[in-house]
Amino acid sequence: NQLSEEDRVKLKEVAGVDGLYRIRVPRVFLQ
């Protein structure tokens, strides 16, 4: 998905305080 305008502003605010950007995925099998 594209980042919304609200998320873009929020991401820059988090970057300004040297915060973290996290991602996560579920544990699954690929076979």
PDB file of all heavy atoms in Angstrom:
ATOM      1  N   ASN A   1       0.834  -1.195   0.000  1.00  0.00           N
ATOM      2  CA  ASN A   1       0.000   0.000   0.000  1.00  0.00           C
ATOM      3  C   ASN A   1       0.872   1.250   0.000  1.00  0.00           C
ATOM      4  O   ASN A   1       2.018   1.228   0.438  1.00  0.00           O
ATOM      5  CB  ASN A   1      -0.901   0.012   1.240  1.00  0.00           C
ATOM      6  CG  ASN A   1      -1.748  -1.243   1.356  1.00  0.00           C
ATOM      7  OD1 ASN A   1      -2.215  -1.770   0.354  1.00  0.00           O
ATOM      8  ND2 ASN A   1      -1.916  -1.737   2.579  1.00  0.00           N
ATOM      9  N   GLN A   2       0.321   2.343  -0.472  1.00  0.00           N
ATOM     10  CA  GLN A   2       1.017   3.621  -0.394  1.00  0.00           C
ATOM     11  C   GLN A   2       0.845   4.214   0.999  1.00  0.00           C
ATOM     12  O   GLN A   2      -0.134   3.941   1.695  1.00  0.00           O
ATOM     13  CB  GLN A   2       0.487   4.592  -1.441  1.00  0.00           C
ATOM     14  CG  GLN A   2       0.762   4.189  -2.872  1.00  0.00           C
ATOM     15  CD  GLN A   2       0.300   5.235  -3.859  1.00  0.00           C
ATOM     16  OE1 GLN A   2      -0.382   6.186  -3.502  1.00  0.00           O
ATOM     17  NE2 GLN A   2       0.665   5.070  -5.114  1.00  0.00           N
ATOM     18  N   LEU A   3       1.815   5.019   1.381  1.00  0.00           N
ATOM     19  CA  LEU A   3       1.713   5.711   2.666  1.00  0.00           C
ATOM     20  C   LEU A   3       0.715   6.858   2.548  1.00  0.00           C
ATOM     21  O   LEU A   3       0.771   7.644   1.596  1.00  0.00           O
ATOM     22  CB  LEU A   3       3.076   6.259   3.098  1.00  0.00           C
ATOM     23  CG  LEU A   3       4.027   5.326   3.835  1.00  0.00           C
ATOM     24  CD1 LEU A   3       5.263   6.098   4.283  1.00  0.00           C
ATOM     25  CD2 LEU A   3       3.373   4.665   5.031  1.00  0.00           C
ATOM     26  N   SER A   4      -0.182   6.945   3.504  1.00  0.00           N
ATOM     27  CA  SER A   4      -1.127   8.056   3.526  1.00  0.00           C
ATOM     28  C   SER A   4      -0.409   9.342   3.949  1.00  0.00           C
ATOM     29  O   SER A   4       0.721   9.317   4.443  1.00  0.00           O
ATOM     30  CB  SER A   4      -2.269   7.746   4.489  1.00  0.00           C
ATOM     31  OG  SER A   4      -1.772   7.649   5.826  1.00  0.00           O
ATOM     32  N   GLU A   5      -1.081  10.440   3.748  1.00  0.00           N
ATOM     33  CA  GLU A   5      -0.486  11.723   4.141  1.00  0.00           C
ATOM     34  C   GLU A   5      -0.226  11.753   5.646  1.00  0.00           C
ATOM     35  O   GLU A   5       0.816  12.245   6.103  1.00  0.00           O
ATOM     36  CB  GLU A   5      -1.421  12.862   3.741  1.00  0.00           C
ATOM     37  CG  GLU A   5      -0.873  14.240   4.089  1.00  0.00           C
ATOM     38  CD  GLU A   5      -1.802  15.357   3.657  1.00  0.00           C
ATOM     39  OE1 GLU A   5      -2.844  15.060   3.035  1.00  0.00           O
ATOM     40  OE2 GLU A   5      -1.485  16.526   3.946  1.00  0.00           O
ATOM     41  N   GLU A   6      -1.133  11.189   6.422  1.00  0.00           N
ATOM     42  CA  GLU A   6      -0.952  11.143   7.872  1.00  0.00           C
ATOM     43  C   GLU A   6       0.271  10.311   8.244  1.00  0.00           C
ATOM     44  O   GLU A   6       1.053  10.697   9.116  1.00  0.00           O
ATOM     45  CB  GLU A   6      -2.208  10.560   8.518  1.00  0.00           C
ATOM     46  CG  GLU A   6      -2.134  10.448  10.029  1.00  0.00           C
ATOM     47  CD  GLU A   6      -3.379   9.808  10.619  1.00  0.00           C
ATOM     48  OE1 GLU A   6      -4.317   9.525   9.840  1.00  0.00           O
ATOM     49  OE2 GLU A   6      -3.403   9.575  11.840  1.00  0.00           O
ATOM     50  N   ASP A   7       0.447   9.172   7.568  1.00  0.00           N
ATOM     51  CA  ASP A   7       1.592   8.306   7.864  1.00  0.00           C
ATOM     52  C   ASP A   7       2.907   8.964   7.442  1.00  0.00           C
ATOM     53  O   ASP A   7       3.941   8.762   8.101  1.00  0.00           O
ATOM     54  CB  ASP A   7       1.428   6.959   7.162  1.00  0.00           C
ATOM     55  CG  ASP A   7       0.439   6.054   7.869  1.00  0.00           C
ATOM     56  OD1 ASP A   7       0.151   6.307   9.052  1.00  0.00           O
ATOM     57  OD2 ASP A   7      -0.048   5.093   7.235  1.00  0.00           O
ATOM     58  N   ARG A   8       2.896   9.714   6.354  1.00  0.00           N
ATOM     59  CA  ARG A   8       4.123  10.387   5.913  1.00  0.00           C
ATOM     60  C   ARG A   8       4.574  11.418   6.944  1.00  0.00           C
ATOM     61  O   ARG A   8       5.760  11.512   7.279  1.00  0.00           O
ATOM     62  CB  ARG A   8       3.911  11.044   4.547  1.00  0.00           C
ATOM     63  CG  ARG A   8       3.699  10.058   3.414  1.00  0.00           C
ATOM     64  CD  ARG A   8       3.884  10.718   2.063  1.00  0.00           C
ATOM     65  NE  ARG A   8       2.897  11.751   1.805  1.00  0.00           N
ATOM     66  CZ  ARG A   8       1.733  11.550   1.181  1.00  0.00           C
ATOM     67  NH1 ARG A   8       1.385  10.323   0.794  1.00  0.00           N
ATOM     68  NH2 ARG A   8       0.901  12.561   0.958  1.00  0.00           N
ATOM     69  N   VAL A   9       3.621  12.171   7.453  1.00  0.00           N
ATOM     70  CA  VAL A   9       3.949  13.162   8.484  1.00  0.00           C
ATOM     71  C   VAL A   9       4.443  12.467   9.751  1.00  0.00           C
ATOM     72  O   VAL A   9       5.430  12.880  10.376  1.00  0.00           O
ATOM     73  CB  VAL A   9       2.718  14.042   8.781  1.00  0.00           C
ATOM     74  CG1 VAL A   9       2.995  14.950   9.977  1.00  0.00           C
ATOM     75  CG2 VAL A   9       2.334  14.862   7.564  1.00  0.00           C
ATOM     76  N   LYS A  10       3.784  11.394  10.110  1.00  0.00           N
ATOM     77  CA  LYS A  10       4.154  10.664  11.326  1.00  0.00           C
ATOM     78  C   LYS A  10       5.530  10.043  11.202  1.00  0.00           C
ATOM     79  O   LYS A  10       6.332  10.076  12.145  1.00  0.00           O
ATOM     80  CB  LYS A  10       3.112   9.584  11.598  1.00  0.00           C
ATOM     81  CG  LYS A  10       3.326   8.806  12.877  1.00  0.00           C
ATOM     82  CD  LYS A  10       2.207   7.812  13.081  1.00  0.00           C
ATOM     83  CE  LYS A  10       2.395   7.019  14.361  1.00  0.00           C
ATOM     84  NZ  LYS A  10       1.293   6.041  14.569  1.00  0.00           N
ATOM     85  N   LEU A  11       5.857   9.481  10.025  1.00  0.00           N
ATOM     86  CA  LEU A  11       7.167   8.865   9.828  1.00  0.00           C
ATOM     87  C   LEU A  11       8.280   9.899   9.953  1.00  0.00           C
ATOM     88  O   LEU A  11       9.329   9.622  10.551  1.00  0.00           O
ATOM     89  CB  LEU A  11       7.222   8.184   8.466  1.00  0.00           C
ATOM     90  CG  LEU A  11       8.521   7.445   8.130  1.00  0.00           C
ATOM     91  CD1 LEU A  11       8.806   6.353   9.157  1.00  0.00           C
ATOM     92  CD2 LEU A  11       8.453   6.847   6.734  1.00  0.00           C
ATOM     93  N   LYS A  12       8.057  11.099   9.437  1.00  0.00           N
ATOM     94  CA  LYS A  12       9.074  12.145   9.568  1.00  0.00           C
ATOM     95  C   LYS A  12       9.211  12.595  11.015  1.00  0.00           C
ATOM     96  O   LYS A  12      10.322  12.915  11.458  1.00  0.00           O
ATOM     97  CB  LYS A  12       8.720  13.329   8.665  1.00  0.00           C
ATOM     98  CG  LYS A  12       8.825  13.032   7.176  1.00  0.00           C
ATOM     99  CD  LYS A  12       8.709  14.280   6.336  1.00  0.00           C
ATOM    100  CE  LYS A  12       9.922  15.186   6.512  1.00  0.00           C
ATOM    101  NZ  LYS A  12       9.867  16.346   5.606  1.00  0.00           N
ATOM    102  N   GLU A  13       8.118  12.602  11.757  1.00  0.00           N
ATOM    103  CA  GLU A  13       8.200  12.961  13.175  1.00  0.00           C
ATOM    104  C   GLU A  13       8.999  11.915  13.952  1.00  0.00           C
ATOM    105  O   GLU A  13       9.829  12.271  14.805  1.00  0.00           O
ATOM    106  CB  GLU A  13       6.787  13.084  13.759  1.00  0.00           C
ATOM    107  CG  GLU A  13       5.999  14.275  13.231  1.00  0.00           C
ATOM    108  CD  GLU A  13       4.594  14.311  13.786  1.00  0.00           C
ATOM    109  OE1 GLU A  13       4.192  13.323  14.452  1.00  0.00           O
ATOM    110  OE2 GLU A  13       3.883  15.304  13.554  1.00  0.00           O
ATOM    111  N   VAL A  14       8.773  10.646  13.657  1.00  0.00           N
ATOM    112  CA  VAL A  14       9.525   9.581  14.325  1.00  0.00           C
ATOM    113  C   VAL A  14      10.996   9.659  13.945  1.00  0.00           C
ATOM    114  O   VAL A  14      11.889   9.446  14.779  1.00  0.00           O
ATOM    115  CB  VAL A  14       8.939   8.200  13.965  1.00  0.00           C
ATOM    116  CG1 VAL A  14       9.780   7.083  14.556  1.00  0.00           C
ATOM    117  CG2 VAL A  14       7.501   8.095  14.451  1.00  0.00           C
ATOM    118  N   ALA A  15      11.288   9.964  12.696  1.00  0.00           N
ATOM    119  CA  ALA A  15      12.680  10.119  12.265  1.00  0.00           C
ATOM    120  C   ALA A  15      13.336  11.287  12.982  1.00  0.00           C
ATOM    121  O   ALA A  15      14.533  11.238  13.303  1.00  0.00           O
ATOM    122  CB  ALA A  15      12.738  10.322  10.753  1.00  0.00           C
ATOM    123  N   GLY A  16      12.570  12.346  13.256  1.00  0.00           N
ATOM    124  CA  GLY A  16      13.129  13.513  13.932  1.00  0.00           C
ATOM    125  C   GLY A  16      13.566  13.235  15.355  1.00  0.00           C
ATOM    126  O   GLY A  16      14.471  13.914  15.863  1.00  0.00           O
ATOM    127  N   VAL A  17      12.966  12.242  16.011  1.00  0.00           N
ATOM    128  CA  VAL A  17      13.357  11.897  17.382  1.00  0.00           C
ATOM    129  C   VAL A  17      14.205  10.622  17.385  1.00  0.00           C
ATOM    130  O   VAL A  17      14.384  10.003  18.437  1.00  0.00           O
ATOM    131  CB  VAL A  17      12.116  11.717  18.268  1.00  0.00           C
ATOM    132  CG1 VAL A  17      11.353  13.022  18.385  1.00  0.00           C
ATOM    133  CG2 VAL A  17      11.209  10.601  17.737  1.00  0.00           C
ATOM    134  N   ASP A  18      14.717  10.234  16.212  1.00  0.00           N
ATOM    135  CA  ASP A  18      15.580   9.052  16.055  1.00  0.00           C
ATOM    136  C   ASP A  18      14.878   7.794  16.534  1.00  0.00           C
ATOM    137  O   ASP A  18      15.455   6.954  17.241  1.00  0.00           O
ATOM    138  CB  ASP A  18      16.905   9.244  16.803  1.00  0.00           C
ATOM    139  CG  ASP A  18      17.987   8.279  16.303  1.00  0.00           C
ATOM    140  OD1 ASP A  18      17.837   7.757  15.178  1.00  0.00           O
ATOM    141  OD2 ASP A  18      18.960   8.033  17.032  1.00  0.00           O
ATOM    142  N   GLY A  19      13.617   7.657  16.131  1.00  0.00           N
ATOM    143  CA  GLY A  19      12.862   6.464  16.477  1.00  0.00           C
ATOM    144  C   GLY A  19      13.126   5.323  15.509  1.00  0.00           C
ATOM    145  O   GLY A  19      13.969   5.411  14.609  1.00  0.00           O
ATOM    146  N   LEU A  20      12.388   4.249  15.678  1.00  0.00           N
ATOM    147  CA  LEU A  20      12.597   3.035  14.890  1.00  0.00           C
ATOM    148  C   LEU A  20      11.426   2.788  13.947  1.00  0.00           C
ATOM    149  O   LEU A  20      10.273   3.114  14.257  1.00  0.00           O
ATOM    150  CB  LEU A  20      12.769   1.816  15.796  1.00  0.00           C
ATOM    151  CG  LEU A  20      13.961   1.837  16.751  1.00  0.00           C
ATOM    152  CD1 LEU A  20      13.956   0.582  17.619  1.00  0.00           C
ATOM    153  CD2 LEU A  20      15.273   1.964  16.001  1.00  0.00           C
ATOM    154  N   TYR A  21      11.759   2.195  12.816  1.00  0.00           N
ATOM    155  CA  TYR A  21      10.754   1.710  11.864  1.00  0.00           C
ATOM    156  C   TYR A  21      10.810   0.191  11.899  1.00  0.00           C
ATOM    157  O   TYR A  21      11.839  -0.415  11.608  1.00  0.00           O
ATOM    158  CB  TYR A  21      11.040   2.233  10.455  1.00  0.00           C
ATOM    159  CG  TYR A  21      10.098   1.684   9.421  1.00  0.00           C
ATOM    160  CD1 TYR A  21       8.874   2.303   9.180  1.00  0.00           C
ATOM    161  CD2 TYR A  21      10.420   0.539   8.688  1.00  0.00           C
ATOM    162  CE1 TYR A  21       7.995   1.786   8.244  1.00  0.00           C
ATOM    163  CE2 TYR A  21       9.548   0.025   7.753  1.00  0.00           C
ATOM    164  CZ  TYR A  21       8.337   0.648   7.537  1.00  0.00           C
ATOM    165  OH  TYR A  21       7.469   0.130   6.599  1.00  0.00           O
ATOM    166  N   ARG A  22       9.700  -0.452  12.264  1.00  0.00           N
ATOM    167  CA  ARG A  22       9.660  -1.897  12.445  1.00  0.00           C
ATOM    168  C   ARG A  22       8.788  -2.548  11.376  1.00  0.00           C
ATOM    169  O   ARG A  22       7.810  -1.951  10.906  1.00  0.00           O
ATOM    170  CB  ARG A  22       9.097  -2.264  13.824  1.00  0.00           C
ATOM    171  CG  ARG A  22       9.939  -1.798  15.007  1.00  0.00           C
ATOM    172  CD  ARG A  22       9.250  -2.192  16.308  1.00  0.00           C
ATOM    173  NE  ARG A  22      10.055  -1.932  17.485  1.00  0.00           N
ATOM    174  CZ  ARG A  22      10.043  -0.789  18.156  1.00  0.00           C
ATOM    175  NH1 ARG A  22       9.252   0.196  17.753  1.00  0.00           N
ATOM    176  NH2 ARG A  22      10.804  -0.617  19.224  1.00  0.00           N
ATOM    177  N   ILE A  23       9.145  -3.786  11.048  1.00  0.00           N
ATOM    178  CA  ILE A  23       8.294  -4.629  10.213  1.00  0.00           C
ATOM    179  C   ILE A  23       8.161  -5.989  10.893  1.00  0.00           C
ATOM    180  O   ILE A  23       8.997  -6.369  11.725  1.00  0.00           O
ATOM    181  CB  ILE A  23       8.851  -4.819   8.784  1.00  0.00           C
ATOM    182  CG1 ILE A  23      10.200  -5.560   8.822  1.00  0.00           C
ATOM    183  CG2 ILE A  23       8.954  -3.501   8.060  1.00  0.00           C
ATOM    184  CD1 ILE A  23      10.689  -6.013   7.464  1.00  0.00           C
ATOM    185  N   ARG A  24       7.106  -6.726  10.525  1.00  0.00           N
ATOM    186  CA  ARG A  24       6.976  -8.084  11.032  1.00  0.00           C
ATOM    187  C   ARG A  24       6.179  -8.931  10.036  1.00  0.00           C
ATOM    188  O   ARG A  24       5.335  -8.421   9.282  1.00  0.00           O
ATOM    189  CB  ARG A  24       6.305  -8.112  12.404  1.00  0.00           C
ATOM    190  CG  ARG A  24       4.818  -7.865  12.404  1.00  0.00           C
ATOM    191  CD  ARG A  24       4.245  -8.006  13.812  1.00  0.00           C
ATOM    192  NE  ARG A  24       2.783  -7.893  13.827  1.00  0.00           N
ATOM    193  CZ  ARG A  24       2.038  -7.976  14.920  1.00  0.00           C
ATOM    194  NH1 ARG A  24       2.619  -8.176  16.101  1.00  0.00           N
ATOM    195  NH2 ARG A  24       0.718  -7.873  14.852  1.00  0.00           N
ATOM    196  N   VAL A  25       6.474 -10.227  10.032  1.00  0.00           N
ATOM    197  CA  VAL A  25       5.760 -11.205   9.205  1.00  0.00           C
ATOM    198  C   VAL A  25       5.473 -12.420  10.078  1.00  0.00           C
ATOM    199  O   VAL A  25       6.216 -12.708  11.018  1.00  0.00           O
ATOM    200  CB  VAL A  25       6.588 -11.621   7.966  1.00  0.00           C
ATOM    201  CG1 VAL A  25       6.786 -10.453   7.033  1.00  0.00           C
ATOM    202  CG2 VAL A  25       7.926 -12.216   8.377  1.00  0.00           C
ATOM    203  N   PRO A  26       4.415 -13.159   9.786  1.00  0.00           N
ATOM    204  CA  PRO A  26       4.115 -14.351  10.588  1.00  0.00           C
ATOM    205  C   PRO A  26       5.046 -15.508  10.261  1.00  0.00           C
ATOM    206  O   PRO A  26       5.597 -15.593   9.160  1.00  0.00           O
ATOM    207  CB  PRO A  26       2.668 -14.686  10.197  1.00  0.00           C
ATOM    208  CG  PRO A  26       2.514 -14.122   8.832  1.00  0.00           C
ATOM    209  CD  PRO A  26       3.370 -12.887   8.783  1.00  0.00           C
ATOM    210  N   ARG A  27       5.231 -16.405  11.213  1.00  0.00           N
ATOM    211  CA  ARG A  27       6.014 -17.624  11.002  1.00  0.00           C
ATOM    212  C   ARG A  27       5.158 -18.620  10.223  1.00  0.00           C
ATOM    213  O   ARG A  27       4.092 -19.019  10.691  1.00  0.00           O
ATOM    214  CB  ARG A  27       6.429 -18.239  12.338  1.00  0.00           C
ATOM    215  CG  ARG A  27       7.336 -17.370  13.182  1.00  0.00           C
ATOM    216  CD  ARG A  27       7.576 -18.041  14.523  1.00  0.00           C
ATOM    217  NE  ARG A  27       8.407 -17.241  15.395  1.00  0.00           N
ATOM    218  CZ  ARG A  27       9.730 -17.347  15.498  1.00  0.00           C
ATOM    219  NH1 ARG A  27      10.349 -18.251  14.753  1.00  0.00           N
ATOM    220  NH2 ARG A  27      10.429 -16.604  16.299  1.00  0.00           N
ATOM    221  N   VAL A  28       5.635 -19.035   9.058  1.00  0.00           N
ATOM    222  CA  VAL A  28       4.889 -19.986   8.231  1.00  0.00           C
ATOM    223  C   VAL A  28       5.854 -20.949   7.554  1.00  0.00           C
ATOM    224  O   VAL A  28       7.066 -20.710   7.504  1.00  0.00           O
ATOM    225  CB  VAL A  28       4.042 -19.266   7.153  1.00  0.00           C
ATOM    226  CG1 VAL A  28       2.907 -18.480   7.770  1.00  0.00           C
ATOM    227  CG2 VAL A  28       4.925 -18.366   6.304  1.00  0.00           C
ATOM    228  N   PHE A  29       5.311 -22.030   7.009  1.00  0.00           N
ATOM    229  CA  PHE A  29       6.075 -22.965   6.195  1.00  0.00           C
ATOM    230  C   PHE A  29       5.954 -22.566   4.732  1.00  0.00           C
ATOM    231  O   PHE A  29       4.915 -22.087   4.290  1.00  0.00           O
ATOM    232  CB  PHE A  29       5.554 -24.398   6.370  1.00  0.00           C
ATOM    233  CG  PHE A  29       6.128 -25.109   7.564  1.00  0.00           C
ATOM    234  CD1 PHE A  29       5.368 -25.307   8.695  1.00  0.00           C
ATOM    235  CD2 PHE A  29       7.436 -25.575   7.537  1.00  0.00           C
ATOM    236  CE1 PHE A  29       5.889 -25.966   9.798  1.00  0.00           C
ATOM    237  CE2 PHE A  29       7.967 -26.231   8.637  1.00  0.00           C
ATOM    238  CZ  PHE A  29       7.196 -26.429   9.763  1.00  0.00           C
ATOM    239  N   LEU A  30       7.022 -22.801   3.980  1.00  0.00           N
ATOM    240  CA  LEU A  30       7.009 -22.520   2.551  1.00  0.00           C
ATOM    241  C   LEU A  30       6.935 -23.775   1.705  1.00  0.00           C
ATOM    242  O   LEU A  30       6.698 -23.686   0.505  1.00  0.00           O
ATOM    243  CB  LEU A  30       8.269 -21.739   2.152  1.00  0.00           C
ATOM    244  CG  LEU A  30       8.453 -20.365   2.780  1.00  0.00           C
ATOM    245  CD1 LEU A  30       9.643 -19.659   2.163  1.00  0.00           C
ATOM    246  CD2 LEU A  30       7.207 -19.515   2.591  1.00  0.00           C
ATOM    247  N   GLN A  31       7.150 -24.946   2.279  1.00  0.00           N
ATOM    248  CA  GLN A  31       7.153 -26.169   1.487  1.00  0.00           C
ATOM    249  C   GLN A  31       5.738 -26.562   1.093  1.00  0.00           C
ATOM    250  O   GLN A  31       4.790 -26.439   1.865  1.00  0.00           O
ATOM    251  CB  GLN A  31       7.796 -27.320   2.271  1.00  0.00           C
ATOM    252  CG  GLN A  31       9.313 -27.227   2.323  1.00  0.00           C
ATOM    253  CD  GLN A  31       9.927 -28.488   2.876  1.00  0.00           C
ATOM    254  OE1 GLN A  31       9.229 -29.349   3.385  1.00  0.00           O
ATOM    255  NE2 GLN A  31      11.231 -28.602   2.753  1.00  0.00           N
TER     256      GLN A  31
END
